């Protein structure tokens, strides 16, 4: 299947080593702009919009092997033989899948608060709540937030999701295809069958202290030379909750590679 040509943001000096950031589910490159600009002080940073996210094209097919091939196509188009990969959540699974499939294209690998396993949670209720938003009758984001409050009680998470709500010609629309997202969400909570494969290089796994996403046994199965570092007083959104510590960890790992 033909790869999707990913939209991306670029920050920093092109002469510096390339760091490619892969965002999480229902996020985009914009969520990483603050981190990208911080890292761009020493590195050349590319923040990608994954397929069906941000400004990248929509596709009814979405799974980790396909998204890994999207990243490969991105590297090839820009003439990048190798890159430092940093992925969070869904993006971390893309980065792991890429590293296991194309290890020769990875300079270093950094995975934020996710493991190479299938999780049990479902996105169905959340996606259904987004689909029920009466777009034709919404006048502003505050109204949209109020409508979603009962189904999605976490204010910060609602605000995160509402970044996908866009205004064009006076009308609101979702920039993501919710039908495609719902149909492929089971692939996102899963992880591809890569039995017998392992990544031979050192890999940095960054965990939130209050998050339970990283499971050591699964990590070392595929990444035997992994180093797991926990950031105190953080959860799954560790790069937002502790940006200074997070950026320092990433920058040091890349610099010392």
C-alpha atoms as a PDB file:
ATOM      1  CA  UNK A   1       0.000   0.000   0.000  1.00  0.00           C
ATOM      2  CA  UNK A   2       1.334   3.407  -0.994  1.00  0.00           C
ATOM      3  CA  UNK A   3       2.659   5.560   1.895  1.00  0.00           C
ATOM      4  CA  UNK A   4       0.995   8.832   2.842  1.00  0.00           C
ATOM      5  CA  UNK A   5       3.046  11.984   2.274  1.00  0.00           C
ATOM      6  CA  UNK A   6       3.228  13.490   5.754  1.00  0.00           C
ATOM      7  CA  UNK A   7       2.973  17.198   6.501  1.00  0.00           C
ATOM      8  CA  UNK A   8       5.615  18.432   8.934  1.00  0.00           C
ATOM      9  CA  UNK A   9       7.094  21.399  10.745  1.00  0.00           C
ATOM     10  CA  UNK A  10      10.827  22.038  10.734  1.00  0.00           C
ATOM     11  CA  UNK A  11      12.812  23.875  13.403  1.00  0.00           C
ATOM     12  CA  UNK A  12      16.506  24.633  13.799  1.00  0.00           C
ATOM     13  CA  UNK A  13      19.672  24.567  11.736  1.00  0.00           C
ATOM     14  CA  UNK A  14      19.593  22.038   8.864  1.00  0.00           C
ATOM     15  CA  UNK A  15      23.287  21.396   9.472  1.00  0.00           C
ATOM     16  CA  UNK A  16      22.518  19.916  12.895  1.00  0.00           C
ATOM     17  CA  UNK A  17      21.567  16.291  13.493  1.00  0.00           C
ATOM     18  CA  UNK A  18      17.945  15.467  12.570  1.00  0.00           C
ATOM     19  CA  UNK A  19      15.460  14.642  15.319  1.00  0.00           C
ATOM     20  CA  UNK A  20      12.046  13.404  14.147  1.00  0.00           C
ATOM     21  CA  UNK A  21       9.084  13.775  16.547  1.00  0.00           C
ATOM     22  CA  UNK A  22       6.058  11.498  16.223  1.00  0.00           C
ATOM     23  CA  UNK A  23       2.967  12.664  18.150  1.00  0.00           C
ATOM     24  CA  UNK A  24       0.270  10.679  19.938  1.00  0.00           C
ATOM     25  CA  UNK A  25      -3.308   9.728  19.075  1.00  0.00           C
ATOM     26  CA  UNK A  26      -5.521  12.687  18.059  1.00  0.00           C
ATOM     27  CA  UNK A  27      -2.605  15.090  18.539  1.00  0.00           C
ATOM     28  CA  UNK A  28      -0.497  16.807  15.859  1.00  0.00           C
ATOM     29  CA  UNK A  29       2.857  18.459  15.304  1.00  0.00           C
ATOM     30  CA  UNK A  30       1.467  21.645  16.866  1.00  0.00           C
ATOM     31  CA  UNK A  31       1.204  19.935  20.256  1.00  0.00           C
ATOM     32  CA  UNK A  32       4.980  19.504  20.136  1.00  0.00           C
ATOM     33  CA  UNK A  33       5.905  22.967  18.897  1.00  0.00           C
ATOM     34  CA  UNK A  34       7.197  24.171  22.281  1.00  0.00           C
ATOM     35  CA  UNK A  35       9.344  21.067  22.764  1.00  0.00           C
ATOM     36  CA  UNK A  36      10.506  21.149  19.136  1.00  0.00           C
ATOM     37  CA  UNK A  37      11.679  24.752  19.431  1.00  0.00           C
ATOM     38  CA  UNK A  38      13.533  23.941  22.648  1.00  0.00           C
ATOM     39  CA  UNK A  39      15.281  20.977  21.062  1.00  0.00           C
ATOM     40  CA  UNK A  40      16.024  23.044  17.945  1.00  0.00           C
ATOM     41  CA  UNK A  41      18.573  25.067  19.901  1.00  0.00           C
ATOM     42  CA  UNK A  42      21.001  22.172  19.369  1.00  0.00           C
ATOM     43  CA  UNK A  43      19.292  19.916  16.823  1.00  0.00           C
ATOM     44  CA  UNK A  44      17.352  20.115  13.567  1.00  0.00           C
ATOM     45  CA  UNK A  45      13.851  19.039  14.520  1.00  0.00           C
ATOM     46  CA  UNK A  46      11.101  17.704  12.295  1.00  0.00           C
ATOM     47  CA  UNK A  47       7.666  17.386  13.912  1.00  0.00           C
ATOM     48  CA  UNK A  48       5.411  15.220  11.745  1.00  0.00           C
ATOM     49  CA  UNK A  49       1.644  15.039  11.371  1.00  0.00           C
ATOM     50  CA  UNK A  50       0.847  11.324  11.178  1.00  0.00           C
ATOM     51  CA  UNK A  51      -1.727  10.038   8.675  1.00  0.00           C
ATOM     52  CA  UNK A  52      -5.286  10.996   9.653  1.00  0.00           C
ATOM     53  CA  UNK A  53      -3.891  13.646  12.000  1.00  0.00           C
ATOM     54  CA  UNK A  54      -3.117  17.342  11.746  1.00  0.00           C
ATOM     55  CA  UNK A  55      -2.753  18.531   8.162  1.00  0.00           C
ATOM     56  CA  UNK A  56      -1.627  15.176   6.749  1.00  0.00           C
ATOM     57  CA  UNK A  57      -3.881  13.286   4.320  1.00  0.00           C
ATOM     58  CA  UNK A  58      -6.687  11.040   5.508  1.00  0.00           C
ATOM     59  CA  UNK A  59      -6.706   7.316   4.836  1.00  0.00           C
ATOM     60  CA  UNK A  60      -9.198   4.604   5.724  1.00  0.00           C
ATOM     61  CA  UNK A  61      -6.194   2.392   6.521  1.00  0.00           C
ATOM     62  CA  UNK A  62      -4.192   3.102   9.669  1.00  0.00           C
ATOM     63  CA  UNK A  63      -1.912   0.716  11.521  1.00  0.00           C
ATOM     64  CA  UNK A  64       1.654   0.766  12.787  1.00  0.00           C
ATOM     65  CA  UNK A  65       3.386  -0.923   9.835  1.00  0.00           C
ATOM     66  CA  UNK A  66       1.714   1.567   7.465  1.00  0.00           C
ATOM     67  CA  UNK A  67       2.640   4.540   9.671  1.00  0.00           C
ATOM     68  CA  UNK A  68       6.219   3.261   9.931  1.00  0.00           C
ATOM     69  CA  UNK A  69       6.335   3.171   6.126  1.00  0.00           C
ATOM     70  CA  UNK A  70       5.024   6.756   6.079  1.00  0.00           C
ATOM     71  CA  UNK A  71       8.020   7.756   8.222  1.00  0.00           C
ATOM     72  CA  UNK A  72      10.374   5.844   5.923  1.00  0.00           C
ATOM     73  CA  UNK A  73       8.934   7.676   2.905  1.00  0.00           C
ATOM     74  CA  UNK A  74       9.409  10.982   4.749  1.00  0.00           C
ATOM     75  CA  UNK A  75      13.084  10.221   5.450  1.00  0.00           C
ATOM     76  CA  UNK A  76      13.659   9.140   1.860  1.00  0.00           C
ATOM     77  CA  UNK A  77      12.017  12.254   0.427  1.00  0.00           C
ATOM     78  CA  UNK A  78      14.200  14.531   2.538  1.00  0.00           C
ATOM     79  CA  UNK A  79      17.324  12.487   1.869  1.00  0.00           C
ATOM     80  CA  UNK A  80      17.825  11.587   5.521  1.00  0.00           C
ATOM     81  CA  UNK A  81      19.712   8.303   5.736  1.00  0.00           C
ATOM     82  CA  UNK A  82      19.376   8.196   9.522  1.00  0.00           C
ATOM     83  CA  UNK A  83      17.520  10.160  12.172  1.00  0.00           C
ATOM     84  CA  UNK A  84      16.990  10.312  15.911  1.00  0.00           C
ATOM     85  CA  UNK A  85      13.390   9.206  16.522  1.00  0.00           C
ATOM     86  CA  UNK A  86      11.255  10.484  19.401  1.00  0.00           C
ATOM     87  CA  UNK A  87       7.699   9.210  19.753  1.00  0.00           C
ATOM     88  CA  UNK A  88       5.020   9.677  22.398  1.00  0.00           C
ATOM     89  CA  UNK A  89       2.120   7.259  22.967  1.00  0.00           C
ATOM     90  CA  UNK A  90       0.840   6.294  19.498  1.00  0.00           C
ATOM     91  CA  UNK A  91       3.903   7.996  18.034  1.00  0.00           C
ATOM     92  CA  UNK A  92       6.066   5.906  20.338  1.00  0.00           C
ATOM     93  CA  UNK A  93       4.528   2.760  18.899  1.00  0.00           C
ATOM     94  CA  UNK A  94       5.184   4.057  15.387  1.00  0.00           C
ATOM     95  CA  UNK A  95       8.802   4.742  16.361  1.00  0.00           C
ATOM     96  CA  UNK A  96       9.204   1.255  17.855  1.00  0.00           C
ATOM     97  CA  UNK A  97       7.631  -0.401  14.820  1.00  0.00           C
ATOM     98  CA  UNK A  98       9.932   1.617  12.565  1.00  0.00           C
ATOM     99  CA  UNK A  99      13.035   0.731  14.588  1.00  0.00           C
ATOM    100  CA  UNK A 100      12.189  -2.971  14.558  1.00  0.00           C
ATOM    101  CA  UNK A 101      11.545  -2.904  10.796  1.00  0.00           C
ATOM    102  CA  UNK A 102      14.250  -0.486   9.645  1.00  0.00           C
ATOM    103  CA  UNK A 103      16.981  -0.459  12.341  1.00  0.00           C
ATOM    104  CA  UNK A 104      19.597   0.751   9.874  1.00  0.00           C
ATOM    105  CA  UNK A 105      17.689   4.049   9.505  1.00  0.00           C
ATOM    106  CA  UNK A 106      17.658   4.850  13.244  1.00  0.00           C
ATOM    107  CA  UNK A 107      20.418   6.887  14.845  1.00  0.00           C
ATOM    108  CA  UNK A 108      18.836   6.702  18.296  1.00  0.00           C
ATOM    109  CA  UNK A 109      15.393   5.790  19.571  1.00  0.00           C
ATOM    110  CA  UNK A 110      13.443   7.580  22.317  1.00  0.00           C
ATOM    111  CA  UNK A 111       9.981   6.418  23.412  1.00  0.00           C
ATOM    112  CA  UNK A 112       7.784   8.467  25.749  1.00  0.00           C
ATOM    113  CA  UNK A 113       5.354   6.676  28.066  1.00  0.00           C
ATOM    114  CA  UNK A 114       4.258   3.708  25.973  1.00  0.00           C
ATOM    115  CA  UNK A 115       5.256   0.061  25.566  1.00  0.00           C
ATOM    116  CA  UNK A 116       5.216  -2.410  22.641  1.00  0.00           C
ATOM    117  CA  UNK A 117       2.024  -4.131  23.810  1.00  0.00           C
ATOM    118  CA  UNK A 118      -1.730  -4.094  23.261  1.00  0.00           C
ATOM    119  CA  UNK A 119      -3.770  -2.158  25.804  1.00  0.00           C
ATOM    120  CA  UNK A 120      -7.319  -2.891  26.918  1.00  0.00           C
ATOM    121  CA  UNK A 121      -8.862   0.576  26.819  1.00  0.00           C
ATOM    122  CA  UNK A 122     -11.314   1.699  24.149  1.00  0.00           C
ATOM    123  CA  UNK A 123     -11.776   5.051  22.427  1.00  0.00           C
ATOM    124  CA  UNK A 124     -15.335   4.275  21.296  1.00  0.00           C
ATOM    125  CA  UNK A 125     -17.209   6.459  23.792  1.00  0.00           C
ATOM    126  CA  UNK A 126     -14.891   9.405  23.288  1.00  0.00           C
ATOM    127  CA  UNK A 127     -15.107   9.227  19.497  1.00  0.00           C
ATOM    128  CA  UNK A 128     -18.889   8.888  19.637  1.00  0.00           C
ATOM    129  CA  UNK A 129     -19.075  12.003  21.824  1.00  0.00           C
ATOM    130  CA  UNK A 130     -17.067  13.937  19.243  1.00  0.00           C
ATOM    131  CA  UNK A 131     -19.314  12.676  16.445  1.00  0.00           C
ATOM    132  CA  UNK A 132     -22.407  13.819  18.373  1.00  0.00           C
ATOM    133  CA  UNK A 133     -21.173  17.417  18.572  1.00  0.00           C
ATOM    134  CA  UNK A 134     -23.768  19.463  16.603  1.00  0.00           C
ATOM    135  CA  UNK A 135     -21.296  21.268  14.373  1.00  0.00           C
ATOM    136  CA  UNK A 136     -23.945  23.232  12.481  1.00  0.00           C
ATOM    137  CA  UNK A 137     -25.174  24.815  15.721  1.00  0.00           C
ATOM    138  CA  UNK A 138     -21.835  25.533  17.422  1.00  0.00           C
ATOM    139  CA  UNK A 139     -20.897  29.228  17.484  1.00  0.00           C
ATOM    140  CA  UNK A 140     -17.611  29.006  19.374  1.00  0.00           C
ATOM    141  CA  UNK A 141     -15.268  26.599  21.145  1.00  0.00           C
ATOM    142  CA  UNK A 142     -16.760  27.408  24.529  1.00  0.00           C
ATOM    143  CA  UNK A 143     -20.084  25.991  23.362  1.00  0.00           C
ATOM    144  CA  UNK A 144     -18.346  22.904  22.010  1.00  0.00           C
ATOM    145  CA  UNK A 145     -16.529  22.436  25.293  1.00  0.00           C
ATOM    146  CA  UNK A 146     -19.785  22.739  27.237  1.00  0.00           C
ATOM    147  CA  UNK A 147     -21.494  20.179  25.002  1.00  0.00           C
ATOM    148  CA  UNK A 148     -18.687  17.632  25.513  1.00  0.00           C
ATOM    149  CA  UNK A 149     -18.279  18.179  29.260  1.00  0.00           C
ATOM    150  CA  UNK A 150     -20.591  15.400  30.401  1.00  0.00           C
ATOM    151  CA  UNK A 151     -19.146  12.695  28.143  1.00  0.00           C
ATOM    152  CA  UNK A 152     -15.530  13.879  28.558  1.00  0.00           C
ATOM    153  CA  UNK A 153     -15.292  15.379  32.074  1.00  0.00           C
ATOM    154  CA  UNK A 154     -11.538  16.070  32.051  1.00  0.00           C
ATOM    155  CA  UNK A 155     -11.180  19.731  31.036  1.00  0.00           C
ATOM    156  CA  UNK A 156      -7.559  19.453  29.892  1.00  0.00           C
ATOM    157  CA  UNK A 157      -8.349  16.428  27.744  1.00  0.00           C
ATOM    158  CA  UNK A 158     -11.370  18.169  26.192  1.00  0.00           C
ATOM    159  CA  UNK A 159      -9.215  21.153  25.319  1.00  0.00           C
ATOM    160  CA  UNK A 160      -6.671  18.797  23.776  1.00  0.00           C
ATOM    161  CA  UNK A 161      -9.331  17.099  21.648  1.00  0.00           C
ATOM    162  CA  UNK A 162     -10.898  20.416  20.629  1.00  0.00           C
ATOM    163  CA  UNK A 163      -7.667  21.396  18.908  1.00  0.00           C
ATOM    164  CA  UNK A 164      -8.998  19.197  16.119  1.00  0.00           C
ATOM    165  CA  UNK A 165     -12.073  21.421  15.771  1.00  0.00           C
ATOM    166  CA  UNK A 166     -11.455  23.956  13.007  1.00  0.00           C
ATOM    167  CA  UNK A 167     -13.348  26.956  11.663  1.00  0.00           C
ATOM    168  CA  UNK A 168     -13.703  27.494   7.920  1.00  0.00           C
ATOM    169  CA  UNK A 169     -16.012  29.921   6.144  1.00  0.00           C
ATOM    170  CA  UNK A 170     -17.886  30.535   9.379  1.00  0.00           C
ATOM    171  CA  UNK A 171     -18.592  26.855  10.080  1.00  0.00           C
ATOM    172  CA  UNK A 172     -16.877  24.389  12.401  1.00  0.00           C
ATOM    173  CA  UNK A 173     -15.617  21.018  11.197  1.00  0.00           C
ATOM    174  CA  UNK A 174     -13.370  18.220  12.461  1.00  0.00           C
ATOM    175  CA  UNK A 175     -10.027  18.207  10.672  1.00  0.00           C
ATOM    176  CA  UNK A 176      -9.784  14.494  11.489  1.00  0.00           C
ATOM    177  CA  UNK A 177     -11.985  11.892   9.837  1.00  0.00           C
ATOM    178  CA  UNK A 178     -13.765  10.464  12.863  1.00  0.00           C
ATOM    179  CA  UNK A 179     -15.142   7.502  10.901  1.00  0.00           C
ATOM    180  CA  UNK A 180     -11.649   6.439   9.819  1.00  0.00           C
ATOM    181  CA  UNK A 181     -10.337   7.029  13.340  1.00  0.00           C
ATOM    182  CA  UNK A 182     -13.083   4.906  14.898  1.00  0.00           C
ATOM    183  CA  UNK A 183     -12.683   2.092  12.367  1.00  0.00           C
ATOM    184  CA  UNK A 184      -8.935   1.798  12.983  1.00  0.00           C
ATOM    185  CA  UNK A 185      -8.717   2.636  16.709  1.00  0.00           C
ATOM    186  CA  UNK A 186      -8.246  -1.051  17.595  1.00  0.00           C
ATOM    187  CA  UNK A 187      -4.965  -0.967  15.670  1.00  0.00           C
ATOM    188  CA  UNK A 188      -3.825   2.006  17.745  1.00  0.00           C
ATOM    189  CA  UNK A 189      -4.382   0.341  21.117  1.00  0.00           C
ATOM    190  CA  UNK A 190      -2.703  -2.777  19.721  1.00  0.00           C
ATOM    191  CA  UNK A 191       0.827  -3.482  18.537  1.00  0.00           C
ATOM    192  CA  UNK A 192       1.850  -5.488  15.462  1.00  0.00           C
ATOM    193  CA  UNK A 193       3.034  -9.075  15.722  1.00  0.00           C
ATOM    194  CA  UNK A 194       6.816  -8.739  15.563  1.00  0.00           C
ATOM    195  CA  UNK A 195       7.756 -11.997  17.261  1.00  0.00           C
ATOM    196  CA  UNK A 196      11.462 -12.740  17.115  1.00  0.00           C
ATOM    197  CA  UNK A 197      12.475  -9.190  16.224  1.00  0.00           C
ATOM    198  CA  UNK A 198      14.550  -6.988  18.485  1.00  0.00           C
ATOM    199  CA  UNK A 199      16.351  -3.660  18.264  1.00  0.00           C
ATOM    200  CA  UNK A 200      20.029  -3.986  19.034  1.00  0.00           C
ATOM    201  CA  UNK A 201      20.789  -0.378  19.960  1.00  0.00           C
ATOM    202  CA  UNK A 202      20.378   1.426  23.239  1.00  0.00           C
ATOM    203  CA  UNK A 203      16.884   2.874  23.555  1.00  0.00           C
ATOM    204  CA  UNK A 204      15.594   5.522  25.940  1.00  0.00           C
ATOM    205  CA  UNK A 205      12.138   4.959  27.438  1.00  0.00           C
ATOM    206  CA  UNK A 206      10.825   7.966  29.360  1.00  0.00           C
ATOM    207  CA  UNK A 207       8.056   7.150  31.848  1.00  0.00           C
ATOM    208  CA  UNK A 208       5.687   9.316  33.836  1.00  0.00           C
ATOM    209  CA  UNK A 209       5.832   8.496  37.539  1.00  0.00           C
ATOM    210  CA  UNK A 210       2.056   8.341  37.856  1.00  0.00           C
ATOM    211  CA  UNK A 211       1.488   6.517  34.563  1.00  0.00           C
ATOM    212  CA  UNK A 212       1.223   2.750  34.130  1.00  0.00           C
ATOM    213  CA  UNK A 213       1.788   2.574  30.387  1.00  0.00           C
ATOM    214  CA  UNK A 214       5.384   1.325  30.387  1.00  0.00           C
ATOM    215  CA  UNK A 215       5.732  -2.358  31.241  1.00  0.00           C
ATOM    216  CA  UNK A 216       9.341  -3.411  31.646  1.00  0.00           C
ATOM    217  CA  UNK A 217       8.975  -7.039  30.582  1.00  0.00           C
ATOM    218  CA  UNK A 218       7.475  -6.037  27.238  1.00  0.00           C
ATOM    219  CA  UNK A 219      10.057  -3.310  26.725  1.00  0.00           C
ATOM    220  CA  UNK A 220      13.074  -5.574  27.239  1.00  0.00           C
ATOM    221  CA  UNK A 221      11.558  -8.300  25.040  1.00  0.00           C
ATOM    222  CA  UNK A 222      11.947  -6.121  21.953  1.00  0.00           C
ATOM    223  CA  UNK A 223      14.510  -3.592  23.225  1.00  0.00           C
ATOM    224  CA  UNK A 224      17.040  -5.568  25.321  1.00  0.00           C
ATOM    225  CA  UNK A 225      19.349  -2.561  25.693  1.00  0.00           C
ATOM    226  CA  UNK A 226      16.631  -0.200  26.876  1.00  0.00           C
ATOM    227  CA  UNK A 227      17.149   2.366  29.613  1.00  0.00           C
ATOM    228  CA  UNK A 228      13.961   3.389  31.426  1.00  0.00           C
ATOM    229  CA  UNK A 229      13.989   6.819  33.080  1.00  0.00           C
ATOM    230  CA  UNK A 230      11.066   8.026  35.178  1.00  0.00           C
ATOM    231  CA  UNK A 231      10.180  11.712  35.462  1.00  0.00           C
ATOM    232  CA  UNK A 232       8.837  12.487  38.975  1.00  0.00           C
ATOM    233  CA  UNK A 233       5.352  13.921  39.477  1.00  0.00           C
ATOM    234  CA  UNK A 234       4.212  13.360  35.893  1.00  0.00           C
ATOM    235  CA  UNK A 235       1.595  11.265  34.154  1.00  0.00           C
ATOM    236  CA  UNK A 236       1.107  10.287  30.516  1.00  0.00           C
ATOM    237  CA  UNK A 237       1.491  13.888  29.296  1.00  0.00           C
ATOM    238  CA  UNK A 238       4.994  14.143  30.747  1.00  0.00           C
ATOM    239  CA  UNK A 239       6.380  16.379  28.001  1.00  0.00           C
ATOM    240  CA  UNK A 240       3.739  18.992  28.915  1.00  0.00           C
ATOM    241  CA  UNK A 241       3.942  18.521  32.689  1.00  0.00           C
ATOM    242  CA  UNK A 242       7.754  18.626  32.922  1.00  0.00           C
ATOM    243  CA  UNK A 243       9.086  20.129  29.674  1.00  0.00           C
ATOM    244  CA  UNK A 244      12.447  21.179  31.114  1.00  0.00           C
ATOM    245  CA  UNK A 245      13.324  17.718  32.388  1.00  0.00           C
ATOM    246  CA  UNK A 246      11.892  16.033  29.313  1.00  0.00           C
ATOM    247  CA  UNK A 247      13.817  18.192  26.848  1.00  0.00           C
ATOM    248  CA  UNK A 248      17.042  17.784  28.794  1.00  0.00           C
ATOM    249  CA  UNK A 249      16.696  13.996  28.753  1.00  0.00           C
ATOM    250  CA  UNK A 250      16.098  13.937  25.028  1.00  0.00           C
ATOM    251  CA  UNK A 251      18.849  16.430  24.195  1.00  0.00           C
ATOM    252  CA  UNK A 252      21.403  14.585  26.332  1.00  0.00           C
ATOM    253  CA  UNK A 253      20.481  11.240  24.773  1.00  0.00           C
ATOM    254  CA  UNK A 254      20.879  12.609  21.246  1.00  0.00           C
ATOM    255  CA  UNK A 255      24.091  14.467  22.042  1.00  0.00           C
ATOM    256  CA  UNK A 256      25.715  11.473  23.687  1.00  0.00           C
ATOM    257  CA  UNK A 257      24.667   8.975  21.037  1.00  0.00           C
END
